[in-house]
Amino acid sequence: MTSASERGVPVRADLWRPDDEVLNSVIAKCLAEAQTKAGGEGGSPVLIAGGLILSALGLTVALGTGKPLLAFAVVAALAVVGIAYVAMKSAPVTVDRTQVLTLTGGPGFLPAGYLVYPPAWQAGMEEYVSTVSDRHLRIAVRLCREYPGSVCDLLRMVRRTERYVDAHAHGKAVTENEVVRAATRIIKEQMAQSPTRVLTKAK
């Protein structure tokens, strides 16, 4: 059995997770870049304007009192208060997770095994499968290690297989295990007909 309750990252019964170092590093880089972009680049207009105002105020105080140290102390105190206020009022940095994996075509185009990869869920997989039923997700998780295609293709195959099994069940309720067994047969047939397998047999 697998755990996919409350839409947390699904966990396979065998605890397997994909270990493609190249793809894992691509996902990590996409996450880091999205966080950087969400944090903004360059100075905030509010902070820049505040800095200019404080500079003018400091110059005025220094010229008016003839005491540069007093002017510096006033400016420093106001700067601390201003920065604290802006920090309290600024909205927390939010990342649009649906756009994180645009470089790879989106979460649905990742290999099927990435359905159980936590960083993939941080990079939009959770949003991608939000419309998938818990039943279909559980079945897909059980098949994702062996399935040779993408997450999108796997979910599509699960739905098609369930419809096929249901159509031949003569009114009997179809269990997840029955769908998994039928889907496993389909996957084995696909693997047997794949070009790499054909080339291997031809050698």
N, C-alpha and C. Protein backbone atom coordinates (compact mmCIF):
# COMPACT_ATOMS: atom_id res chain seq x y z
N MET A 1 0.85 -1.20 0.00
CA MET A 1 0.00 0.00 0.00
C MET A 1 0.88 1.24 0.00
N THR A 2 0.27 2.35 -0.33
CA THR A 2 1.00 3.61 -0.36
C THR A 2 0.26 4.65 0.45
N SER A 3 0.98 5.66 0.85
CA SER A 3 0.38 6.74 1.64
C SER A 3 0.33 8.00 0.80
N ALA A 4 -0.87 8.56 0.60
CA ALA A 4 -1.01 9.80 -0.16
C ALA A 4 -2.11 10.65 0.45
N SER A 5 -2.32 10.49 1.76
CA SER A 5 -3.39 11.20 2.44
C SER A 5 -3.07 12.67 2.59
N GLU A 6 -4.11 13.48 2.61
CA GLU A 6 -3.98 14.92 2.79
C GLU A 6 -3.02 15.55 1.78
N ARG A 7 -2.86 14.91 0.65
CA ARG A 7 -2.03 15.43 -0.43
C ARG A 7 -0.60 15.72 -0.03
N GLY A 8 -0.10 14.98 0.95
CA GLY A 8 1.33 15.05 1.23
C GLY A 8 2.07 14.30 0.14
N VAL A 9 3.39 14.35 0.15
CA VAL A 9 4.17 13.63 -0.85
C VAL A 9 3.91 12.14 -0.71
N PRO A 10 3.44 11.47 -1.76
CA PRO A 10 3.16 10.03 -1.64
C PRO A 10 4.42 9.23 -1.35
N VAL A 11 4.25 8.17 -0.61
CA VAL A 11 5.37 7.29 -0.27
C VAL A 11 5.04 5.87 -0.71
N ARG A 12 5.91 5.30 -1.50
CA ARG A 12 5.70 3.92 -1.95
C ARG A 12 5.95 2.94 -0.80
N ALA A 13 5.37 1.77 -0.90
CA ALA A 13 5.56 0.75 0.14
C ALA A 13 7.02 0.36 0.27
N ASP A 14 7.76 0.40 -0.86
CA ASP A 14 9.18 0.02 -0.81
C ASP A 14 10.09 1.23 -0.54
N LEU A 15 9.49 2.41 -0.32
CA LEU A 15 10.20 3.66 -0.01
C LEU A 15 11.12 4.12 -1.15
N TRP A 16 10.94 3.57 -2.36
CA TRP A 16 11.78 3.95 -3.49
C TRP A 16 11.54 5.39 -3.89
N ARG A 17 12.61 6.05 -4.27
CA ARG A 17 12.54 7.41 -4.83
C ARG A 17 13.51 7.48 -6.00
N PRO A 18 13.24 8.30 -7.03
CA PRO A 18 14.14 8.38 -8.18
C PRO A 18 15.50 8.96 -7.79
N ASP A 19 16.56 8.48 -8.45
CA ASP A 19 17.91 8.91 -8.08
C ASP A 19 18.70 9.38 -9.29
N ASP A 20 18.03 9.98 -10.26
CA ASP A 20 18.71 10.54 -11.42
C ASP A 20 19.39 11.84 -11.00
N GLU A 21 20.69 11.81 -10.83
CA GLU A 21 21.42 12.96 -10.29
C GLU A 21 21.28 14.20 -11.17
N VAL A 22 21.27 14.01 -12.48
CA VAL A 22 21.17 15.15 -13.40
C VAL A 22 19.81 15.82 -13.26
N LEU A 23 18.75 15.03 -13.33
CA LEU A 23 17.40 15.61 -13.24
C LEU A 23 17.14 16.17 -11.84
N ASN A 24 17.63 15.49 -10.83
CA ASN A 24 17.47 16.00 -9.46
C ASN A 24 18.13 17.37 -9.31
N SER A 25 19.32 17.53 -9.92
CA SER A 25 20.02 18.81 -9.81
C SER A 25 19.29 19.90 -10.62
N VAL A 26 18.67 19.52 -11.73
CA VAL A 26 17.90 20.48 -12.52
C VAL A 26 16.71 21.00 -11.71
N ILE A 27 16.02 20.09 -11.02
CA ILE A 27 14.88 20.49 -10.20
C ILE A 27 15.33 21.41 -9.07
N ALA A 28 16.46 21.05 -8.43
CA ALA A 28 16.98 21.88 -7.34
C ALA A 28 17.35 23.27 -7.85
N LYS A 29 17.94 23.34 -9.04
CA LYS A 29 18.33 24.63 -9.61
C LYS A 29 17.10 25.47 -9.94
N CYS A 30 16.07 24.83 -10.50
CA CYS A 30 14.83 25.54 -10.82
C CYS A 30 14.18 26.10 -9.56
N LEU A 31 14.20 25.33 -8.49
CA LEU A 31 13.63 25.79 -7.22
C LEU A 31 14.40 26.99 -6.68
N ALA A 32 15.73 26.92 -6.75
CA ALA A 32 16.57 28.01 -6.24
C ALA A 32 16.36 29.28 -7.05
N GLU A 33 16.28 29.15 -8.37
CA GLU A 33 16.07 30.32 -9.23
C GLU A 33 14.70 30.95 -9.01
N ALA A 34 13.68 30.11 -8.80
CA ALA A 34 12.34 30.63 -8.55
C ALA A 34 12.30 31.41 -7.24
N GLN A 35 13.00 30.90 -6.23
CA GLN A 35 13.05 31.59 -4.94
C GLN A 35 13.77 32.93 -5.08
N THR A 36 14.85 32.95 -5.85
CA THR A 36 15.60 34.19 -6.06
C THR A 36 14.75 35.23 -6.78
N LYS A 37 14.04 34.80 -7.83
CA LYS A 37 13.20 35.72 -8.59
C LYS A 37 12.06 36.26 -7.73
N ALA A 38 11.48 35.38 -6.90
CA ALA A 38 10.37 35.80 -6.04
C ALA A 38 10.83 36.82 -5.02
N GLY A 39 12.10 36.71 -4.60
CA GLY A 39 12.64 37.66 -3.63
C GLY A 39 12.87 39.03 -4.22
N GLY A 40 12.86 39.13 -5.54
CA GLY A 40 13.05 40.42 -6.20
C GLY A 40 14.51 40.69 -6.46
N GLU A 41 14.76 41.47 -7.46
CA GLU A 41 16.13 41.84 -7.84
C GLU A 41 16.28 43.35 -7.76
N GLY A 42 17.41 43.82 -7.21
CA GLY A 42 17.65 45.25 -7.12
C GLY A 42 17.00 45.82 -5.88
N GLY A 43 17.20 47.11 -5.62
CA GLY A 43 16.67 47.76 -4.43
C GLY A 43 15.20 48.06 -4.56
N SER A 44 14.49 48.04 -3.43
CA SER A 44 13.07 48.40 -3.40
C SER A 44 12.94 49.90 -3.60
N PRO A 45 11.99 50.37 -4.43
CA PRO A 45 11.79 51.81 -4.62
C PRO A 45 11.52 52.54 -3.31
N VAL A 46 10.80 51.89 -2.39
CA VAL A 46 10.50 52.52 -1.11
C VAL A 46 11.78 52.76 -0.32
N LEU A 47 12.67 51.75 -0.30
CA LEU A 47 13.93 51.90 0.44
C LEU A 47 14.84 52.94 -0.20
N ILE A 48 14.86 52.97 -1.52
CA ILE A 48 15.69 53.96 -2.21
C ILE A 48 15.20 55.38 -1.91
N ALA A 49 13.87 55.57 -2.00
CA ALA A 49 13.31 56.89 -1.71
C ALA A 49 13.57 57.28 -0.26
N GLY A 50 13.41 56.32 0.64
CA GLY A 50 13.67 56.58 2.06
C GLY A 50 15.11 56.96 2.31
N GLY A 51 16.03 56.31 1.61
CA GLY A 51 17.45 56.63 1.76
C GLY A 51 17.76 58.05 1.31
N LEU A 52 17.14 58.47 0.20
CA LEU A 52 17.36 59.83 -0.29
C LEU A 52 16.82 60.88 0.69
N ILE A 53 15.64 60.57 1.24
CA ILE A 53 15.04 61.50 2.20
C ILE A 53 15.91 61.63 3.45
N LEU A 54 16.39 60.49 3.94
CA LEU A 54 17.24 60.50 5.14
C LEU A 54 18.55 61.24 4.88
N SER A 55 19.09 61.07 3.67
CA SER A 55 20.33 61.79 3.34
C SER A 55 20.11 63.30 3.37
N ALA A 56 18.99 63.73 2.78
CA ALA A 56 18.67 65.16 2.77
C ALA A 56 18.45 65.68 4.18
N LEU A 57 17.76 64.86 5.00
CA LEU A 57 17.51 65.27 6.38
C LEU A 57 18.82 65.38 7.16
N GLY A 58 19.71 64.41 6.96
CA GLY A 58 21.00 64.44 7.65
C GLY A 58 21.81 65.66 7.28
N LEU A 59 21.80 65.99 5.98
CA LEU A 59 22.53 67.16 5.53
C LEU A 59 21.96 68.45 6.14
N THR A 60 20.61 68.50 6.22
CA THR A 60 19.96 69.68 6.80
C THR A 60 20.30 69.84 8.27
N VAL A 61 20.25 68.71 9.01
CA VAL A 61 20.56 68.75 10.45
C VAL A 61 22.01 69.15 10.65
N ALA A 62 22.92 68.60 9.84
CA ALA A 62 24.34 68.90 9.98
C ALA A 62 24.62 70.38 9.72
N LEU A 63 23.99 70.93 8.67
CA LEU A 63 24.21 72.34 8.35
C LEU A 63 23.54 73.26 9.37
N GLY A 64 22.37 72.84 9.86
CA GLY A 64 21.63 73.68 10.81
C GLY A 64 22.24 73.72 12.18
N THR A 65 22.78 72.61 12.64
CA THR A 65 23.33 72.53 14.00
C THR A 65 24.85 72.66 14.03
N GLY A 66 25.45 72.37 12.91
CA GLY A 66 26.91 72.39 12.88
C GLY A 66 27.52 71.19 13.58
N LYS A 67 26.69 70.16 13.81
CA LYS A 67 27.17 68.96 14.52
C LYS A 67 26.94 67.73 13.63
N PRO A 68 27.93 67.34 12.85
CA PRO A 68 27.79 66.17 11.95
C PRO A 68 27.48 64.88 12.70
N LEU A 69 28.05 64.69 13.90
CA LEU A 69 27.78 63.45 14.65
C LEU A 69 26.32 63.35 15.06
N LEU A 70 25.73 64.50 15.44
CA LEU A 70 24.31 64.51 15.80
C LEU A 70 23.47 64.16 14.58
N ALA A 71 23.83 64.72 13.46
CA ALA A 71 23.10 64.43 12.22
C ALA A 71 23.18 62.94 11.88
N PHE A 72 24.37 62.38 12.01
CA PHE A 72 24.55 60.95 11.72
C PHE A 72 23.70 60.09 12.65
N ALA A 73 23.67 60.46 13.96
CA ALA A 73 22.89 59.69 14.94
C ALA A 73 21.41 59.74 14.61
N VAL A 74 20.91 60.91 14.23
CA VAL A 74 19.49 61.06 13.89
C VAL A 74 19.15 60.22 12.67
N VAL A 75 19.99 60.33 11.63
CA VAL A 75 19.75 59.56 10.39
C VAL A 75 19.80 58.06 10.66
N ALA A 76 20.77 57.61 11.44
CA ALA A 76 20.89 56.18 11.73
C ALA A 76 19.68 55.66 12.48
N ALA A 77 19.20 56.43 13.46
CA ALA A 77 18.03 56.02 14.24
C ALA A 77 16.79 55.93 13.36
N LEU A 78 16.59 56.94 12.51
CA LEU A 78 15.43 56.93 11.60
C LEU A 78 15.53 55.79 10.58
N ALA A 79 16.75 55.49 10.14
CA ALA A 79 16.95 54.40 9.17
C ALA A 79 16.56 53.06 9.78
N VAL A 80 16.97 52.83 11.03
CA VAL A 80 16.63 51.57 11.72
C VAL A 80 15.12 51.43 11.85
N VAL A 81 14.47 52.52 12.28
CA VAL A 81 13.01 52.49 12.44
C VAL A 81 12.33 52.25 11.09
N GLY A 82 12.82 52.92 10.05
CA GLY A 82 12.22 52.77 8.72
C GLY A 82 12.37 51.36 8.16
N ILE A 83 13.55 50.80 8.31
CA ILE A 83 13.79 49.43 7.81
C ILE A 83 12.93 48.43 8.56
N ALA A 84 12.82 48.60 9.88
CA ALA A 84 11.99 47.69 10.68
C ALA A 84 10.53 47.78 10.25
N TYR A 85 10.05 48.98 9.96
CA TYR A 85 8.65 49.17 9.54
C TYR A 85 8.40 48.50 8.20
N VAL A 86 9.31 48.71 7.25
CA VAL A 86 9.16 48.11 5.92
C VAL A 86 9.18 46.59 6.01
N ALA A 87 10.07 46.07 6.86
CA ALA A 87 10.17 44.61 7.01
C ALA A 87 8.89 44.03 7.58
N MET A 88 8.27 44.74 8.53
CA MET A 88 7.03 44.26 9.14
C MET A 88 5.86 44.32 8.16
N LYS A 89 5.85 45.33 7.30
CA LYS A 89 4.72 45.53 6.40
C LYS A 89 4.85 44.78 5.08
N SER A 90 6.06 44.39 4.73
CA SER A 90 6.25 43.73 3.43
C SER A 90 5.65 42.33 3.44
N ALA A 91 5.07 41.96 2.30
CA ALA A 91 4.45 40.63 2.18
C ALA A 91 5.52 39.56 2.11
N PRO A 92 5.25 38.38 2.66
CA PRO A 92 6.24 37.30 2.59
C PRO A 92 6.49 36.90 1.13
N VAL A 93 7.70 36.43 0.87
CA VAL A 93 8.05 36.02 -0.49
C VAL A 93 7.27 34.76 -0.85
N THR A 94 6.56 34.81 -1.97
CA THR A 94 5.80 33.65 -2.42
C THR A 94 6.29 33.24 -3.80
N VAL A 95 6.41 31.94 -4.00
CA VAL A 95 6.86 31.40 -5.27
C VAL A 95 5.67 30.79 -6.00
N ASP A 96 5.51 31.13 -7.26
CA ASP A 96 4.45 30.51 -8.07
C ASP A 96 4.95 29.13 -8.48
N ARG A 97 4.56 28.14 -7.70
CA ARG A 97 5.12 26.79 -7.90
C ARG A 97 4.73 26.18 -9.23
N THR A 98 3.63 26.65 -9.82
CA THR A 98 3.21 26.09 -11.11
C THR A 98 4.16 26.49 -12.23
N GLN A 99 5.02 27.50 -11.99
CA GLN A 99 5.94 27.97 -13.02
C GLN A 99 7.38 27.53 -12.79
N VAL A 100 7.65 26.85 -11.68
CA VAL A 100 9.03 26.50 -11.33
C VAL A 100 9.68 25.62 -12.38
N LEU A 101 8.95 24.63 -12.90
CA LEU A 101 9.53 23.67 -13.83
C LEU A 101 9.19 23.97 -15.29
N THR A 102 9.00 25.24 -15.61
CA THR A 102 8.71 25.62 -16.99
C THR A 102 9.82 25.14 -17.93
N LEU A 103 11.06 25.17 -17.44
CA LEU A 103 12.22 24.75 -18.22
C LEU A 103 12.09 23.30 -18.69
N THR A 104 11.48 22.44 -17.87
CA THR A 104 11.35 21.02 -18.20
C THR A 104 9.99 20.70 -18.84
N GLY A 105 9.17 21.72 -19.04
CA GLY A 105 7.84 21.49 -19.61
C GLY A 105 6.76 21.36 -18.56
N GLY A 106 7.14 21.42 -17.28
CA GLY A 106 6.16 21.32 -16.20
C GLY A 106 6.25 19.97 -15.50
N PRO A 107 5.63 19.84 -14.33
CA PRO A 107 5.71 18.59 -13.55
C PRO A 107 5.20 17.37 -14.30
N GLY A 108 4.19 17.58 -15.14
CA GLY A 108 3.61 16.44 -15.85
C GLY A 108 4.55 15.77 -16.83
N PHE A 109 5.61 16.49 -17.25
CA PHE A 109 6.54 15.94 -18.22
C PHE A 109 7.76 15.29 -17.57
N LEU A 110 7.81 15.31 -16.23
CA LEU A 110 8.88 14.58 -15.54
C LEU A 110 8.64 13.08 -15.69
N PRO A 111 9.70 12.26 -15.61
CA PRO A 111 9.51 10.81 -15.62
C PRO A 111 8.54 10.39 -14.50
N ALA A 112 7.80 9.34 -14.73
CA ALA A 112 6.74 8.92 -13.81
C ALA A 112 7.21 8.76 -12.37
N GLY A 113 8.45 8.30 -12.18
CA GLY A 113 8.97 8.09 -10.83
C GLY A 113 8.98 9.34 -9.98
N TYR A 114 9.00 10.51 -10.62
CA TYR A 114 9.06 11.77 -9.87
C TYR A 114 7.74 12.13 -9.20
N LEU A 115 6.76 11.25 -9.36
CA LEU A 115 5.51 11.40 -8.63
C LEU A 115 5.73 11.24 -7.13
N VAL A 116 6.83 10.60 -6.73
CA VAL A 116 7.11 10.38 -5.30
C VAL A 116 8.39 11.08 -4.86
N TYR A 117 8.80 12.12 -5.59
CA TYR A 117 10.04 12.85 -5.28
C TYR A 117 9.68 14.17 -4.59
N PRO A 118 10.03 14.33 -3.31
CA PRO A 118 9.62 15.53 -2.56
C PRO A 118 9.96 16.86 -3.23
N PRO A 119 11.19 17.08 -3.74
CA PRO A 119 11.46 18.36 -4.40
C PRO A 119 10.54 18.63 -5.60
N ALA A 120 10.11 17.57 -6.29
CA ALA A 120 9.19 17.76 -7.41
C ALA A 120 7.85 18.30 -6.89
N TRP A 121 7.46 17.88 -5.70
CA TRP A 121 6.22 18.39 -5.10
C TRP A 121 6.39 19.85 -4.69
N GLN A 122 7.58 20.22 -4.26
CA GLN A 122 7.85 21.63 -3.94
C GLN A 122 7.85 22.47 -5.22
N ALA A 123 8.11 21.82 -6.35
CA ALA A 123 8.22 22.52 -7.63
C ALA A 123 6.95 22.41 -8.47
N GLY A 124 5.81 22.14 -7.84
CA GLY A 124 4.55 22.20 -8.57
C GLY A 124 3.81 20.90 -8.78
N MET A 125 4.39 19.75 -8.38
CA MET A 125 3.70 18.47 -8.58
C MET A 125 2.40 18.43 -7.79
N GLU A 126 2.41 19.00 -6.58
CA GLU A 126 1.20 19.00 -5.76
C GLU A 126 0.06 19.71 -6.48
N GLU A 127 0.36 20.85 -7.08
CA GLU A 127 -0.66 21.58 -7.82
C GLU A 127 -1.08 20.81 -9.08
N TYR A 128 -0.11 20.16 -9.72
CA TYR A 128 -0.40 19.43 -10.95
C TYR A 128 -1.39 18.29 -10.72
N VAL A 129 -1.24 17.58 -9.60
CA VAL A 129 -2.12 16.42 -9.34
C VAL A 129 -3.32 16.79 -8.48
N SER A 130 -3.56 18.08 -8.29
CA SER A 130 -4.65 18.51 -7.39
C SER A 130 -6.02 18.03 -7.87
N THR A 131 -6.18 17.82 -9.17
CA THR A 131 -7.48 17.36 -9.68
C THR A 131 -7.55 15.84 -9.84
N VAL A 132 -6.45 15.16 -9.52
CA VAL A 132 -6.42 13.70 -9.61
C VAL A 132 -7.02 13.12 -8.33
N SER A 133 -7.88 12.14 -8.47
CA SER A 133 -8.51 11.53 -7.30
C SER A 133 -7.48 10.79 -6.45
N ASP A 134 -7.79 10.64 -5.16
CA ASP A 134 -6.88 9.91 -4.27
C ASP A 134 -6.66 8.49 -4.77
N ARG A 135 -7.72 7.86 -5.26
CA ARG A 135 -7.63 6.48 -5.76
C ARG A 135 -6.66 6.40 -6.94
N HIS A 136 -6.82 7.29 -7.91
CA HIS A 136 -5.93 7.27 -9.08
C HIS A 136 -4.50 7.59 -8.68
N LEU A 137 -4.33 8.50 -7.73
CA LEU A 137 -2.98 8.84 -7.29
C LEU A 137 -2.32 7.64 -6.61
N ARG A 138 -3.06 6.94 -5.77
CA ARG A 138 -2.49 5.76 -5.09
C ARG A 138 -2.07 4.70 -6.10
N ILE A 139 -2.91 4.48 -7.10
CA ILE A 139 -2.59 3.49 -8.13
C ILE A 139 -1.35 3.92 -8.91
N ALA A 140 -1.31 5.20 -9.28
CA ALA A 140 -0.17 5.71 -10.04
C ALA A 140 1.12 5.59 -9.26
N VAL A 141 1.06 5.83 -7.97
CA VAL A 141 2.26 5.72 -7.13
C VAL A 141 2.77 4.29 -7.12
N ARG A 142 1.88 3.33 -7.10
CA ARG A 142 2.29 1.92 -7.09
C ARG A 142 2.94 1.52 -8.42
N LEU A 143 2.61 2.25 -9.49
CA LEU A 143 3.12 1.89 -10.81
C LEU A 143 4.27 2.77 -11.29
N CYS A 144 4.54 3.87 -10.58
CA CYS A 144 5.44 4.89 -11.13
C CYS A 144 6.88 4.42 -11.31
N ARG A 145 7.33 3.47 -10.51
CA ARG A 145 8.73 3.02 -10.64
C ARG A 145 8.95 2.27 -11.95
N GLU A 146 7.98 1.49 -12.35
CA GLU A 146 8.13 0.65 -13.54
C GLU A 146 7.68 1.34 -14.82
N TYR A 147 6.81 2.35 -14.71
CA TYR A 147 6.24 2.95 -15.91
C TYR A 147 7.32 3.71 -16.69
N PRO A 148 7.43 3.48 -18.01
CA PRO A 148 8.51 4.07 -18.80
C PRO A 148 8.26 5.49 -19.30
N GLY A 149 7.07 6.03 -19.09
CA GLY A 149 6.75 7.35 -19.63
C GLY A 149 6.76 8.45 -18.58
N SER A 150 6.03 9.52 -18.87
CA SER A 150 5.97 10.68 -18.00
C SER A 150 4.86 10.55 -16.96
N VAL A 151 4.84 11.47 -16.01
CA VAL A 151 3.78 11.50 -15.00
C VAL A 151 2.42 11.66 -15.68
N CYS A 152 2.37 12.56 -16.65
CA CYS A 152 1.12 12.80 -17.38
C CYS A 152 0.62 11.53 -18.06
N ASP A 153 1.53 10.83 -18.74
CA ASP A 153 1.15 9.59 -19.43
C ASP A 153 0.71 8.51 -18.45
N LEU A 154 1.38 8.44 -17.31
CA LEU A 154 1.02 7.44 -16.30
C LEU A 154 -0.39 7.68 -15.78
N LEU A 155 -0.72 8.91 -15.45
CA LEU A 155 -2.05 9.22 -14.93
C LEU A 155 -3.13 8.93 -15.98
N ARG A 156 -2.81 9.24 -17.23
CA ARG A 156 -3.75 8.96 -18.32
C ARG A 156 -3.96 7.46 -18.45
N MET A 157 -2.86 6.69 -18.36
CA MET A 157 -2.96 5.23 -18.48
C MET A 157 -3.76 4.63 -17.33
N VAL A 158 -3.59 5.18 -16.12
CA VAL A 158 -4.35 4.69 -14.96
C VAL A 158 -5.84 4.87 -15.19
N ARG A 159 -6.23 6.04 -15.68
CA ARG A 159 -7.66 6.30 -15.92
C ARG A 159 -8.21 5.37 -17.01
N ARG A 160 -7.44 5.21 -18.08
CA ARG A 160 -7.90 4.33 -19.17
C ARG A 160 -8.02 2.89 -18.70
N THR A 161 -7.03 2.44 -17.92
CA THR A 161 -7.05 1.06 -17.44
C THR A 161 -8.23 0.81 -16.52
N GLU A 162 -8.51 1.78 -15.64
CA GLU A 162 -9.65 1.61 -14.74
C GLU A 162 -10.95 1.51 -15.53
N ARG A 163 -11.09 2.35 -16.56
CA ARG A 163 -12.31 2.28 -17.38
C ARG A 163 -12.43 0.92 -18.07
N TYR A 164 -11.29 0.41 -18.56
CA TYR A 164 -11.28 -0.88 -19.25
C TYR A 164 -11.68 -2.01 -18.29
N VAL A 165 -11.05 -2.03 -17.12
CA VAL A 165 -11.35 -3.08 -16.13
C VAL A 165 -12.80 -2.98 -15.68
N ASP A 166 -13.27 -1.77 -15.48
CA ASP A 166 -14.65 -1.56 -15.03
C ASP A 166 -15.63 -2.05 -16.09
N ALA A 167 -15.31 -1.83 -17.36
CA ALA A 167 -16.20 -2.24 -18.44
C ALA A 167 -16.31 -3.75 -18.54
N HIS A 168 -15.30 -4.48 -18.06
CA HIS A 168 -15.31 -5.95 -18.12
C HIS A 168 -15.57 -6.60 -16.77
N ALA A 169 -16.05 -5.79 -15.81
CA ALA A 169 -16.29 -6.33 -14.46
C ALA A 169 -17.71 -6.80 -14.28
N HIS A 170 -18.56 -6.63 -15.31
CA HIS A 170 -19.96 -7.08 -15.27
C HIS A 170 -20.69 -6.56 -14.03
N GLY A 171 -20.50 -5.29 -13.75
CA GLY A 171 -21.24 -4.66 -12.64
C GLY A 171 -20.60 -4.83 -11.28
N LYS A 172 -19.55 -5.61 -11.20
CA LYS A 172 -18.88 -5.82 -9.91
C LYS A 172 -17.95 -4.64 -9.62
N ALA A 173 -17.83 -4.27 -8.35
CA ALA A 173 -16.95 -3.17 -7.97
C ALA A 173 -15.50 -3.54 -8.26
N VAL A 174 -14.78 -2.63 -8.87
CA VAL A 174 -13.39 -2.87 -9.24
C VAL A 174 -12.47 -2.36 -8.13
N THR A 175 -11.54 -3.19 -7.71
CA THR A 175 -10.61 -2.79 -6.65
C THR A 175 -9.36 -2.15 -7.24
N GLU A 176 -8.61 -1.45 -6.40
CA GLU A 176 -7.35 -0.85 -6.84
C GLU A 176 -6.37 -1.93 -7.29
N ASN A 177 -6.35 -3.05 -6.58
CA ASN A 177 -5.43 -4.14 -6.93
C ASN A 177 -5.71 -4.67 -8.33
N GLU A 178 -6.98 -4.75 -8.71
CA GLU A 178 -7.33 -5.23 -10.05
C GLU A 178 -6.84 -4.26 -11.11
N VAL A 179 -6.97 -2.97 -10.84
CA VAL A 179 -6.49 -1.97 -11.79
C VAL A 179 -4.97 -2.04 -11.90
N VAL A 180 -4.30 -2.20 -10.76
CA VAL A 180 -2.84 -2.30 -10.76
C VAL A 180 -2.38 -3.51 -11.55
N ARG A 181 -3.05 -4.65 -11.37
CA ARG A 181 -2.66 -5.87 -12.09
C ARG A 181 -2.82 -5.67 -13.60
N ALA A 182 -3.94 -5.08 -14.02
CA ALA A 182 -4.17 -4.86 -15.45
C ALA A 182 -3.16 -3.86 -16.00
N ALA A 183 -2.88 -2.81 -15.25
CA ALA A 183 -1.93 -1.80 -15.70
C ALA A 183 -0.52 -2.38 -15.78
N THR A 184 -0.18 -3.26 -14.85
CA THR A 184 1.15 -3.89 -14.86
C THR A 184 1.33 -4.73 -16.12
N ARG A 185 0.27 -5.41 -16.54
CA ARG A 185 0.34 -6.20 -17.78
C ARG A 185 0.58 -5.27 -18.98
N ILE A 186 -0.12 -4.14 -18.98
CA ILE A 186 0.04 -3.18 -20.08
C ILE A 186 1.47 -2.65 -20.13
N ILE A 187 2.02 -2.34 -18.94
CA ILE A 187 3.39 -1.81 -18.87
C ILE A 187 4.38 -2.85 -19.39
N LYS A 188 4.20 -4.11 -19.02
CA LYS A 188 5.10 -5.17 -19.49
C LYS A 188 5.03 -5.32 -21.00
N GLU A 189 3.82 -5.18 -21.55
CA GLU A 189 3.66 -5.26 -23.00
C GLU A 189 4.37 -4.09 -23.68
N GLN A 190 4.23 -2.89 -23.10
CA GLN A 190 4.91 -1.72 -23.65
C GLN A 190 6.42 -1.89 -23.62
N MET A 191 6.93 -2.40 -22.52
CA MET A 191 8.38 -2.60 -22.38
C MET A 191 8.88 -3.64 -23.38
N ALA A 192 8.09 -4.68 -23.60
CA ALA A 192 8.48 -5.74 -24.53
C ALA A 192 8.53 -5.23 -25.97
N GLN A 193 7.71 -4.22 -26.27
CA GLN A 193 7.65 -3.69 -27.64
C GLN A 193 8.51 -2.45 -27.84
N SER A 194 9.21 -2.02 -26.79
CA SER A 194 10.01 -0.79 -26.89
C SER A 194 11.20 -1.02 -27.81
N PRO A 195 11.66 0.02 -28.51
CA PRO A 195 12.81 -0.12 -29.44
C PRO A 195 14.06 -0.65 -28.76
N THR A 196 14.32 -0.25 -27.52
CA THR A 196 15.54 -0.71 -26.85
C THR A 196 15.49 -2.20 -26.62
N ARG A 197 14.29 -2.72 -26.26
CA ARG A 197 14.18 -4.15 -26.04
C ARG A 197 14.35 -4.91 -27.35
N VAL A 198 13.77 -4.34 -28.45
CA VAL A 198 13.89 -4.99 -29.74
C VAL A 198 15.36 -5.05 -30.17
N LEU A 199 16.09 -3.96 -29.97
CA LEU A 199 17.52 -3.94 -30.34
C LEU A 199 18.30 -4.93 -29.50
N THR A 200 17.94 -5.04 -28.23
CA THR A 200 18.64 -5.97 -27.35
C THR A 200 18.44 -7.40 -27.82
N LYS A 201 17.21 -7.73 -28.21
CA LYS A 201 16.92 -9.09 -28.66
C LYS A 201 17.62 -9.39 -30.00
N ALA A 202 17.78 -8.34 -30.81
CA ALA A 202 18.35 -8.55 -32.14
C ALA A 202 19.86 -8.83 -32.10
N LYS A 203 20.51 -8.48 -31.00
CA LYS A 203 21.97 -8.66 -30.91
C LYS A 203 22.34 -10.13 -30.85
